[in-house]
Amino acid sequence: MTTKIFLCCAAGMSTSMVVNNMLKAAEERKVDVEIKAYSISEFEDVVNQYDICLVAPQVSYKFNDFNKRCEEEGKKCAKINMMLYGTLNGDEILTQALALKSS
């Protein structure tokens, strides 16, 4: 079954690179995932379509609101580690997301 993950960010430039690196890591691991990036203004439109929401560091001020909304929908939510995000470490961010799924 496909794990559906979305990253929530401000504009999407650096986040799209993180998504690409996460997809590469998933392909190497043979993990079935769908990963997309959306701006914070799109959160309400997509939250019910995904299993996991990862919040980018630049919008972490919205985390409590997003986490509450995810809980209402039965979804998982977490902040992306700033160092992992800054280094575009898609492999470790994917690990974080998959750990959320099993928690």
C-alpha atoms as a PDB file:
ATOM      1  CA  MET A   1       0.000   0.000   0.000  1.00  0.00           C
ATOM      2  CA  THR A   2       1.317   3.411  -0.955  1.00  0.00           C
ATOM      3  CA  THR A   3       2.285   5.758   1.865  1.00  0.00           C
ATOM      4  CA  LYS A   4       1.178   9.268   0.955  1.00  0.00           C
ATOM      5  CA  ILE A   5       3.383  12.044   2.317  1.00  0.00           C
ATOM      6  CA  PHE A   6       3.151  15.777   1.803  1.00  0.00           C
ATOM      7  CA  LEU A   7       5.595  18.465   2.785  1.00  0.00           C
ATOM      8  CA  CYS A   8       4.162  21.809   3.764  1.00  0.00           C
ATOM      9  CA  CYS A   9       6.321  24.842   3.041  1.00  0.00           C
ATOM     10  CA  ALA A  10       6.268  28.543   2.194  1.00  0.00           C
ATOM     11  CA  ALA A  11       6.811  28.660  -1.567  1.00  0.00           C
ATOM     12  CA  GLY A  12       8.172  25.287  -2.591  1.00  0.00           C
ATOM     13  CA  MET A  13      11.563  25.961  -4.179  1.00  0.00           C
ATOM     14  CA  SER A  14      13.869  24.179  -1.728  1.00  0.00           C
ATOM     15  CA  THR A  15      11.106  21.802  -0.706  1.00  0.00           C
ATOM     16  CA  SER A  16      10.788  20.506  -4.264  1.00  0.00           C
ATOM     17  CA  MET A  17      14.472  19.524  -4.091  1.00  0.00           C
ATOM     18  CA  VAL A  18      13.842  17.726  -0.794  1.00  0.00           C
ATOM     19  CA  VAL A  19      10.888  15.891  -2.371  1.00  0.00           C
ATOM     20  CA  ASN A  20      13.056  14.789  -5.312  1.00  0.00           C
ATOM     21  CA  ASN A  21      15.727  13.482  -2.932  1.00  0.00           C
ATOM     22  CA  MET A  22      13.101  11.660  -0.870  1.00  0.00           C
ATOM     23  CA  LEU A  23      11.718  10.038  -4.027  1.00  0.00           C
ATOM     24  CA  LYS A  24      15.226   8.923  -5.050  1.00  0.00           C
ATOM     25  CA  ALA A  25      15.754   7.412  -1.599  1.00  0.00           C
ATOM     26  CA  ALA A  26      12.391   5.642  -1.768  1.00  0.00           C
ATOM     27  CA  GLU A  27      13.235   4.209  -5.182  1.00  0.00           C
ATOM     28  CA  GLU A  28      16.598   2.928  -3.909  1.00  0.00           C
ATOM     29  CA  ARG A  29      14.875   1.330  -0.904  1.00  0.00           C
ATOM     30  CA  LYS A  30      11.986   0.041  -3.014  1.00  0.00           C
ATOM     31  CA  VAL A  31       9.479   1.802  -0.755  1.00  0.00           C
ATOM     32  CA  ASP A  32       6.043   2.557  -2.208  1.00  0.00           C
ATOM     33  CA  VAL A  33       5.415   6.249  -1.543  1.00  0.00           C
ATOM     34  CA  GLU A  34       3.762   9.273  -3.073  1.00  0.00           C
ATOM     35  CA  ILE A  35       5.443  12.513  -2.013  1.00  0.00           C
ATOM     36  CA  LYS A  36       4.355  16.047  -2.910  1.00  0.00           C
ATOM     37  CA  ALA A  37       5.025  19.570  -1.666  1.00  0.00           C
ATOM     38  CA  TYR A  38       2.341  22.162  -1.009  1.00  0.00           C
ATOM     39  CA  SER A  39       2.355  25.698   0.317  1.00  0.00           C
ATOM     40  CA  ILE A  40       0.770  26.475   3.668  1.00  0.00           C
ATOM     41  CA  SER A  41      -2.144  28.076   1.839  1.00  0.00           C
ATOM     42  CA  GLU A  42      -2.943  24.675   0.282  1.00  0.00           C
ATOM     43  CA  PHE A  43      -2.831  22.708   3.554  1.00  0.00           C
ATOM     44  CA  GLU A  44      -6.594  22.545   4.119  1.00  0.00           C
ATOM     45  CA  ASP A  45      -7.186  21.429   0.532  1.00  0.00           C
ATOM     46  CA  VAL A  46      -4.854  18.423   0.771  1.00  0.00           C
ATOM     47  CA  VAL A  47      -4.594  17.302   4.409  1.00  0.00           C
ATOM     48  CA  ASN A  48      -7.297  14.636   4.082  1.00  0.00           C
ATOM     49  CA  GLN A  49      -5.646  13.126   0.977  1.00  0.00           C
ATOM     50  CA  TYR A  50      -2.356  12.144   2.678  1.00  0.00           C
ATOM     51  CA  ASP A  51      -1.176   9.900   5.509  1.00  0.00           C
ATOM     52  CA  ILE A  52       1.662  12.114   6.738  1.00  0.00           C
ATOM     53  CA  CYS A  53       2.365  15.849   6.799  1.00  0.00           C
ATOM     54  CA  LEU A  54       5.940  17.050   7.225  1.00  0.00           C
ATOM     55  CA  VAL A  55       6.298  20.724   8.084  1.00  0.00           C
ATOM     56  CA  ALA A  56       9.310  22.557   6.649  1.00  0.00           C
ATOM     57  CA  PRO A  57      11.448  24.616   9.066  1.00  0.00           C
ATOM     58  CA  GLN A  58      10.525  27.964   7.513  1.00  0.00           C
ATOM     59  CA  VAL A  59       6.852  27.413   8.394  1.00  0.00           C
ATOM     60  CA  SER A  60       7.349  25.604  11.710  1.00  0.00           C
ATOM     61  CA  TYR A  61       5.415  28.425  13.404  1.00  0.00           C
ATOM     62  CA  LYS A  62       2.300  26.770  11.888  1.00  0.00           C
ATOM     63  CA  PHE A  63       3.128  23.324  13.303  1.00  0.00           C
ATOM     64  CA  ASN A  64       0.714  23.370  16.257  1.00  0.00           C
ATOM     65  CA  ASP A  65      -2.196  24.348  14.004  1.00  0.00           C
ATOM     66  CA  PHE A  66      -1.259  21.754  11.386  1.00  0.00           C
ATOM     67  CA  ASN A  67      -0.693  19.023  13.967  1.00  0.00           C
ATOM     68  CA  LYS A  68      -4.091  19.647  15.561  1.00  0.00           C
ATOM     69  CA  ARG A  69      -5.790  19.505  12.170  1.00  0.00           C
ATOM     70  CA  CYS A  70      -3.919  16.317  11.236  1.00  0.00           C
ATOM     71  CA  GLU A  71      -4.991  14.687  14.498  1.00  0.00           C
ATOM     72  CA  GLU A  72      -8.605  15.563  13.688  1.00  0.00           C
ATOM     73  CA  GLU A  73      -8.195  13.768  10.349  1.00  0.00           C
ATOM     74  CA  GLY A  74      -6.327  10.800  11.868  1.00  0.00           C
ATOM     75  CA  LYS A  75      -3.114  11.776  10.089  1.00  0.00           C
ATOM     76  CA  LYS A  76       0.471  12.042  11.354  1.00  0.00           C
ATOM     77  CA  CYS A  77       2.372  15.334  11.436  1.00  0.00           C
ATOM     78  CA  ALA A  78       5.964  16.275  12.296  1.00  0.00           C
ATOM     79  CA  LYS A  79       8.467  19.067  11.848  1.00  0.00           C
ATOM     80  CA  ILE A  80      11.340  18.390   9.464  1.00  0.00           C
ATOM     81  CA  ASN A  81      14.702  18.659  11.211  1.00  0.00           C
ATOM     82  CA  MET A  82      16.327  21.936  10.137  1.00  0.00           C
ATOM     83  CA  MET A  83      19.757  20.374   9.471  1.00  0.00           C
ATOM     84  CA  LEU A  84      18.280  17.569   7.371  1.00  0.00           C
ATOM     85  CA  TYR A  85      16.185  20.070   5.440  1.00  0.00           C
ATOM     86  CA  GLY A  86      19.094  22.462   4.933  1.00  0.00           C
ATOM     87  CA  THR A  87      21.287  19.694   3.539  1.00  0.00           C
ATOM     88  CA  LEU A  88      18.428  18.317   1.384  1.00  0.00           C
ATOM     89  CA  ASN A  89      18.847  14.937   3.100  1.00  0.00           C
ATOM     90  CA  GLY A  90      15.901  13.183   1.521  1.00  0.00           C
ATOM     91  CA  ASP A  91      16.988   9.788   2.804  1.00  0.00           C
ATOM     92  CA  GLU A  92      16.820  10.752   6.486  1.00  0.00           C
ATOM     93  CA  ILE A  93      13.653  12.801   6.029  1.00  0.00           C
ATOM     94  CA  LEU A  94      12.053   9.751   4.399  1.00  0.00           C
ATOM     95  CA  THR A  95      13.170   7.678   7.392  1.00  0.00           C
ATOM     96  CA  GLN A  96      11.489  10.222   9.687  1.00  0.00           C
ATOM     97  CA  ALA A  97       8.250  10.044   7.712  1.00  0.00           C
ATOM     98  CA  LEU A  98       8.168   6.250   7.598  1.00  0.00           C
ATOM     99  CA  ALA A  99       8.827   6.076  11.351  1.00  0.00           C
ATOM    100  CA  LEU A 100       5.759   8.270  11.878  1.00  0.00           C
ATOM    101  CA  LYS A 101       3.645   5.845   9.897  1.00  0.00           C
ATOM    102  CA  SER A 102       4.546   2.951  12.164  1.00  0.00           C
ATOM    103  CA  SER A 103       4.100   4.920  15.403  1.00  0.00           C
END
